Amino acid sequence: MELPKRKPNRLKNYSYSSPGAYFITICTNNKEKLLGDIIVGFGACDEPKNILSKYGVIAEKYIHLMNEKYEYVSIDKFIIMPNHIHMIIVIEEEAVNGSSQAPNPTNDILPKFISLFKRYCNLEFKRNIWQKSYHDHIIRNDKEYEDICNYIEYNVYKWLDDRYYSK
């Protein structure tokens, strides 16, 4: 059986080493709930609880490590959901200016950053839990940035309606 060809999900002719903010979603393989669970209360005032699994705790550890390791690339906001992670990654001008390599599709800062994050996690997981690719969206203005921050902040409240939700 021939597998369908993957549609490229990167913006053509765009350098993912450009300074700016990027909204990233990384999913687990087959959207398996490995990173934790959302416990949804039954009362009107009960807030959902985001309980991280051992994999979720490790992923959170490496999100913080990535922020310590890189001076001009940072994960500004994130949420670890049961089967995916949303994050805003910010590339500052200094990251591009200080690079010794000219950006091209294979050495762009963003793909390298995400690949390294996944690799760190997988080494400690002792297995690969991540889907091959990731979704990215270039954040174009302050309003969009604010909307995405709110989406991340309140994502646990909308878990049952989330497109990545699975029982």
Protein backbone atom coordinates (compact mmCIF):
# COMPACT_ATOMS: atom_id res chain seq x y z
CA MET A 1 0.00 0.00 0.00
CA GLU A 2 1.40 3.36 -1.01
CA LEU A 3 1.30 6.04 1.65
CA PRO A 4 -0.08 9.45 0.71
CA LYS A 5 2.52 12.14 0.04
CA ARG A 6 2.89 14.63 2.85
CA LYS A 7 1.91 18.16 2.04
CA PRO A 8 4.67 20.63 2.97
CA ASN A 9 3.54 22.64 5.96
CA ARG A 10 6.22 25.33 5.87
CA LEU A 11 5.63 28.70 4.25
CA LYS A 12 7.43 28.71 0.91
CA ASN A 13 10.40 31.08 0.59
CA TYR A 14 10.23 32.06 4.27
CA SER A 15 13.30 31.89 6.49
CA TYR A 16 12.48 30.27 9.79
CA SER A 17 15.51 32.08 11.16
CA SER A 18 13.72 35.41 10.84
CA PRO A 19 13.27 37.32 14.08
CA GLY A 20 9.73 37.18 15.42
CA ALA A 21 7.25 35.03 17.28
CA TYR A 22 5.99 31.64 16.16
CA PHE A 23 3.03 29.62 17.45
CA ILE A 24 4.06 25.97 17.48
CA THR A 25 2.08 22.80 18.12
CA ILE A 26 3.94 19.52 18.63
CA CYS A 27 1.83 16.34 18.81
CA THR A 28 2.56 12.89 20.15
CA ASN A 29 2.54 9.96 17.71
CA ASN A 30 -1.03 9.06 16.79
CA LYS A 31 -2.12 11.78 19.25
CA GLU A 32 -1.66 9.29 22.07
CA LYS A 33 -2.34 10.75 25.51
CA LEU A 34 1.16 10.35 26.94
CA LEU A 35 1.90 13.78 28.40
CA GLY A 36 -0.81 13.84 31.06
CA ASP A 37 -4.51 14.19 31.60
CA ILE A 38 -7.03 16.96 32.06
CA ILE A 39 -9.41 16.29 34.93
CA VAL A 40 -12.61 18.20 34.27
CA GLY A 41 -14.78 18.99 37.30
CA PHE A 42 -18.48 18.34 37.30
CA GLY A 43 -19.56 21.45 39.20
CA ALA A 44 -20.01 24.85 37.60
CA CYS A 45 -17.16 26.32 39.67
CA ASP A 46 -14.73 23.42 39.31
CA GLU A 47 -11.64 24.36 37.33
CA PRO A 48 -10.02 21.71 35.13
CA LYS A 49 -6.75 20.31 36.44
CA ASN A 50 -3.84 19.62 34.12
CA ILE A 51 -2.03 16.61 35.58
CA LEU A 52 1.29 15.90 33.84
CA SER A 53 2.53 12.33 33.41
CA LYS A 54 6.20 11.42 33.75
CA TYR A 55 6.55 12.28 30.03
CA GLY A 56 4.84 15.64 30.56
CA VAL A 57 7.14 16.44 33.48
CA ILE A 58 10.18 15.60 31.34
CA ALA A 59 8.89 17.74 28.45
CA GLU A 60 8.35 20.66 30.84
CA LYS A 61 11.89 20.21 32.18
CA TYR A 62 13.32 20.50 28.65
CA ILE A 63 11.17 23.52 27.80
CA HIS A 64 12.81 25.28 30.74
CA LEU A 65 16.25 23.93 29.76
CA MET A 66 15.85 25.26 26.21
CA ASN A 67 15.14 28.70 27.68
CA GLU A 68 18.31 28.50 29.78
CA LYS A 69 20.46 27.14 26.95
CA TYR A 70 19.60 29.69 24.26
CA GLU A 71 20.13 33.38 24.83
CA TYR A 72 18.20 34.80 21.86
CA VAL A 73 15.61 32.07 21.23
CA SER A 74 13.02 31.43 23.90
CA ILE A 75 9.77 29.67 24.63
CA ASP A 76 7.71 32.62 25.80
CA LYS A 77 4.50 30.80 26.69
CA PHE A 78 3.48 27.14 26.60
CA ILE A 79 0.92 24.58 27.69
CA ILE A 80 1.44 20.84 27.85
CA MET A 81 -1.80 19.08 26.97
CA PRO A 82 -2.33 15.28 27.15
CA ASN A 83 -1.27 14.65 23.54
CA HIS A 84 0.28 17.88 22.31
CA ILE A 85 2.21 20.98 23.34
CA HIS A 86 1.43 24.53 22.30
CA MET A 87 4.20 27.09 22.61
CA ILE A 88 5.18 30.52 21.44
CA ILE A 89 8.82 30.59 20.39
CA VAL A 90 10.46 33.98 20.00
CA ILE A 91 13.57 34.48 17.86
CA GLU A 92 15.31 37.76 18.62
CA GLU A 93 17.29 39.77 16.07
CA GLU A 94 20.56 38.89 17.86
CA ALA A 95 20.01 35.18 17.15
CA VAL A 96 20.07 35.88 13.42
CA ASN A 97 22.87 38.44 13.47
CA GLY A 98 25.04 36.27 15.70
CA SER A 99 24.68 33.17 13.52
CA SER A 100 27.80 31.98 11.75
CA GLN A 101 25.73 30.07 9.17
CA ALA A 102 23.63 31.66 6.47
CA PRO A 103 20.00 30.56 6.96
CA ASN A 104 18.65 27.98 4.55
CA PRO A 105 15.78 25.48 4.76
CA THR A 106 17.88 22.86 6.56
CA ASN A 107 19.62 25.04 9.13
CA ASP A 108 16.86 27.48 10.07
CA ILE A 109 16.80 28.28 13.76
CA LEU A 110 13.20 27.24 14.47
CA PRO A 111 13.33 23.68 13.03
CA LYS A 112 16.69 23.08 14.73
CA PHE A 113 15.34 24.36 18.06
CA ILE A 114 12.28 22.08 17.91
CA SER A 115 14.32 19.10 16.75
CA LEU A 116 16.72 19.54 19.64
CA PHE A 117 13.85 19.83 22.13
CA LYS A 118 12.35 16.56 20.82
CA ARG A 119 15.74 14.84 20.87
CA TYR A 120 16.43 15.85 24.50
CA CYS A 121 13.01 14.53 25.54
CA ASN A 122 13.37 11.28 23.58
CA LEU A 123 16.74 10.52 25.16
CA GLU A 124 15.18 10.67 28.62
CA PHE A 125 11.94 8.96 27.50
CA LYS A 126 14.12 6.19 26.00
CA ARG A 127 11.73 6.19 23.02
CA ASN A 128 10.32 8.57 20.44
CA ILE A 129 6.82 9.76 21.36
CA TRP A 130 6.61 12.66 18.90
CA GLN A 131 4.86 12.94 15.58
CA LYS A 132 7.40 13.53 12.80
CA SER A 133 6.55 17.15 12.05
CA TYR A 134 4.93 20.06 13.87
CA HIS A 135 2.50 22.83 13.07
CA ASP A 136 3.77 26.39 12.95
CA HIS A 137 2.12 29.76 12.53
CA ILE A 138 4.06 33.00 12.12
CA ILE A 139 2.62 35.53 14.55
CA ARG A 140 2.20 38.71 12.55
CA ASN A 141 1.18 41.37 15.10
CA ASP A 142 0.56 42.18 18.77
CA LYS A 143 -3.17 41.40 18.61
CA GLU A 144 -2.49 37.95 17.19
CA TYR A 145 0.18 37.38 19.85
CA GLU A 146 -2.29 38.33 22.59
CA ASP A 147 -5.02 36.08 21.12
CA ILE A 148 -2.63 33.11 20.97
CA CYS A 149 -1.45 33.76 24.55
CA ASN A 150 -5.08 33.64 25.67
CA TYR A 151 -5.67 30.47 23.66
CA ILE A 152 -2.70 28.82 25.39
CA GLU A 153 -3.73 30.11 28.82
CA TYR A 154 -7.29 28.77 28.58
CA ASN A 155 -6.64 25.65 26.51
CA VAL A 156 -7.28 23.29 29.45
CA TYR A 157 -10.75 24.80 29.87
CA LYS A 158 -11.64 23.80 26.32
CA TRP A 159 -10.08 20.33 26.36
CA LEU A 160 -13.32 18.43 25.72
CA ASP A 161 -13.91 20.57 22.62
CA ASP A 162 -10.26 20.58 21.52
CA ARG A 163 -9.54 19.22 18.03
CA TYR A 164 -6.77 17.07 19.54
CA TYR A 165 -9.08 15.64 22.22
CA SER A 166 -9.32 11.87 22.41
CA LYS A 167 -10.77 9.64 25.12
